[in-house]
Amino acid sequence: MTGSPPDVRSPKAAVRPGGLPPTKGGSFTGRAVVLALVVATLLVTLAVPVRGWFAQRAEIAGLRADVDSARERVAALQIEQERWDDPAFVAAEARRRLHFVLRGEVGFVTLGSESSLTATEAEQGPVTPWYSSLWDALQEADAHASQPKAAATAP
């Protein structure tokens, strides 16, 4: 029968509302858009707690390092305390630091020796006021700026 209506199940016979033929894949469906929105919302929602978690882990690692260094310092101080409990060490330190001498010994200290600077004097260097150093630096910069530059030779 040639006059029979077309088969509804056939893909060629399907017609979209408005009389347009159906389109073939390639575009997002409503489900894909909703899924993308849900995933994006989850990522935004979880970003702050995850960042906080990483920050807390870094802080914990830093605090553990501080605890380890404090333990090392305590161990060093305990060793030093044990040294100070020894009377021979105390006597040696008194002789070295305070220039104590035993009976029958002669102690002497040299004065005016310019070659022997204390550690703090050697670290400090010459004592000049800050403004003097600043003025010297400005003078040196001005001297370099006022010198003529070598002229380029022309071929």
Protein backbone atom coordinates (compact mmCIF):
# COMPACT_ATOMS: atom_id res chain seq x y z
CA MET A 1 0.00 0.00 0.00
CA THR A 2 1.45 3.17 -1.11
CA GLY A 3 -0.95 5.41 0.73
CA SER A 4 -0.18 4.06 4.23
CA PRO A 5 1.25 6.42 6.85
CA PRO A 6 5.02 6.24 7.43
CA ASP A 7 6.31 3.96 10.17
CA VAL A 8 6.70 5.95 13.42
CA ARG A 9 9.61 3.80 14.61
CA SER A 10 11.81 4.60 11.65
CA PRO A 11 14.45 7.32 12.31
CA LYS A 12 13.70 8.97 9.00
CA ALA A 13 10.07 9.35 9.93
CA ALA A 14 10.74 11.04 13.33
CA VAL A 15 9.95 14.72 13.25
CA ARG A 16 10.73 17.24 15.99
CA PRO A 17 8.12 19.75 17.04
CA GLY A 18 8.02 22.62 14.60
CA GLY A 19 8.63 20.32 11.63
CA LEU A 20 12.48 20.30 11.94
CA PRO A 21 14.40 17.08 11.37
CA PRO A 22 16.22 15.61 14.43
CA THR A 23 19.85 16.62 15.04
CA LYS A 24 22.60 14.07 15.46
CA GLY A 25 24.67 14.19 18.73
CA GLY A 26 27.51 16.62 19.38
CA SER A 27 25.65 19.04 21.61
CA PHE A 28 25.31 18.97 25.36
CA THR A 29 22.22 17.42 26.73
CA GLY A 30 20.42 18.77 29.74
CA ARG A 31 21.78 15.94 31.85
CA ALA A 32 25.37 16.78 30.90
CA VAL A 33 24.87 20.44 31.81
CA VAL A 34 23.35 19.52 35.18
CA LEU A 35 26.19 17.07 35.83
CA ALA A 36 28.77 19.74 34.98
CA LEU A 37 27.06 22.21 37.32
CA VAL A 38 27.00 19.66 40.15
CA VAL A 39 30.70 18.84 39.67
CA ALA A 40 31.62 22.54 39.55
CA THR A 41 29.59 23.19 42.71
CA LEU A 42 31.33 20.32 44.49
CA LEU A 43 34.75 21.60 43.45
CA VAL A 44 34.00 25.11 44.67
CA THR A 45 32.51 23.80 47.89
CA LEU A 46 35.46 21.51 48.63
CA ALA A 47 38.20 23.98 47.61
CA VAL A 48 38.18 25.95 50.87
CA PRO A 49 38.30 22.96 53.26
CA VAL A 50 41.00 21.25 51.20
CA ARG A 51 43.09 24.43 51.17
CA GLY A 52 42.65 24.71 54.94
CA TRP A 53 43.64 21.08 55.36
CA PHE A 54 46.86 21.63 53.41
CA ALA A 55 47.60 24.78 55.43
CA GLN A 56 47.08 22.86 58.67
CA ARG A 57 49.36 20.06 57.49
CA ALA A 58 52.08 22.61 56.72
CA GLU A 59 51.60 24.23 60.13
CA ILE A 60 51.82 20.83 61.84
CA ALA A 61 55.05 20.07 59.98
CA GLY A 62 56.49 23.43 61.08
CA LEU A 63 55.49 22.84 64.68
CA ARG A 64 57.05 19.37 64.63
CA ALA A 65 60.29 20.92 63.39
CA ASP A 66 60.10 23.47 66.23
CA VAL A 67 59.55 20.68 68.76
CA ASP A 68 62.53 18.75 67.38
CA SER A 69 64.79 21.81 67.61
CA ALA A 70 63.55 22.48 71.15
CA ARG A 71 64.34 18.89 72.13
CA GLU A 72 67.86 19.26 70.72
CA ARG A 73 68.29 22.51 72.68
CA VAL A 74 67.09 20.80 75.88
CA ALA A 75 69.55 17.97 75.33
CA ALA A 76 72.40 20.46 74.82
CA LEU A 77 71.42 22.36 77.97
CA GLN A 78 71.27 19.13 79.98
CA ILE A 79 74.79 18.28 78.83
CA GLU A 80 75.95 21.77 79.82
CA GLN A 81 74.26 21.41 83.22
CA GLU A 82 76.05 18.11 83.77
CA ARG A 83 79.34 19.86 82.98
CA TRP A 84 78.63 22.58 85.54
CA ASP A 85 77.91 19.91 88.16
CA ASP A 86 81.56 18.81 87.86
CA PRO A 87 83.77 20.79 90.32
CA ALA A 88 86.81 20.48 88.04
CA PHE A 89 84.92 22.13 85.17
CA VAL A 90 83.74 24.96 87.45
CA ALA A 91 87.31 25.56 88.63
CA ALA A 92 88.62 25.58 85.05
CA GLU A 93 85.95 28.05 83.94
CA ALA A 94 86.66 30.31 86.93
CA ARG A 95 90.33 30.34 86.04
CA ARG A 96 89.63 31.03 82.38
CA ARG A 97 86.84 33.59 82.69
CA LEU A 98 87.58 35.31 86.00
CA HIS A 99 91.37 34.90 85.99
CA PHE A 100 91.34 33.09 89.32
CA VAL A 101 94.64 31.62 90.44
CA LEU A 102 95.47 28.98 93.01
CA ARG A 103 97.75 29.60 95.99
CA GLY A 104 101.32 29.75 94.93
CA GLU A 105 100.53 30.67 91.30
CA VAL A 106 101.26 34.01 89.79
CA GLY A 107 98.56 35.46 87.59
CA PHE A 108 99.12 38.21 85.10
CA VAL A 109 97.08 40.04 82.48
CA THR A 110 98.60 42.06 79.68
CA LEU A 111 97.12 45.49 79.19
CA GLY A 112 97.32 47.78 76.18
CA SER A 113 97.91 45.07 73.65
CA GLU A 114 96.39 46.47 70.45
CA SER A 115 96.75 43.21 68.57
CA SER A 116 94.31 41.37 70.81
CA LEU A 117 90.80 42.67 70.13
CA THR A 118 87.87 41.11 71.82
CA ALA A 119 85.35 39.26 69.69
CA THR A 120 82.73 42.00 69.98
CA GLU A 121 85.19 44.72 68.94
CA ALA A 122 86.28 42.70 65.93
CA GLU A 123 82.69 42.11 64.84
CA GLN A 124 81.64 45.75 65.25
CA GLY A 125 84.41 47.21 63.13
CA PRO A 126 85.25 50.91 63.24
CA VAL A 127 82.79 53.07 65.10
CA THR A 128 81.46 55.77 62.78
CA PRO A 129 78.09 57.44 62.90
CA TRP A 130 75.52 56.35 60.31
CA TYR A 131 75.23 59.79 58.79
CA SER A 132 78.94 59.88 58.13
CA SER A 133 78.72 56.61 56.20
CA LEU A 134 75.72 57.94 54.28
CA TRP A 135 77.53 61.17 53.38
CA ASP A 136 80.60 59.25 52.21
CA ALA A 137 78.44 57.01 50.01
CA LEU A 138 76.75 60.06 48.45
CA GLN A 139 80.10 61.71 47.79
CA GLU A 140 81.42 58.57 46.13
CA ALA A 141 78.31 58.24 43.96
CA ASP A 142 78.59 61.89 42.94
CA ALA A 143 82.25 61.43 42.03
CA HIS A 144 81.39 58.49 39.75
CA ALA A 145 78.47 60.35 38.15
CA SER A 146 80.55 63.49 37.38
CA GLN A 147 83.30 61.58 35.57
CA PRO A 148 82.90 61.82 31.76
CA LYS A 149 82.15 58.59 30.04
CA ALA A 150 84.53 57.36 27.38
CA ALA A 151 83.33 58.54 23.96
CA ALA A 152 82.63 55.86 21.45
CA THR A 153 85.06 55.96 18.57
CA ALA A 154 83.51 56.38 15.15
CA PRO A 155 84.80 54.18 12.31
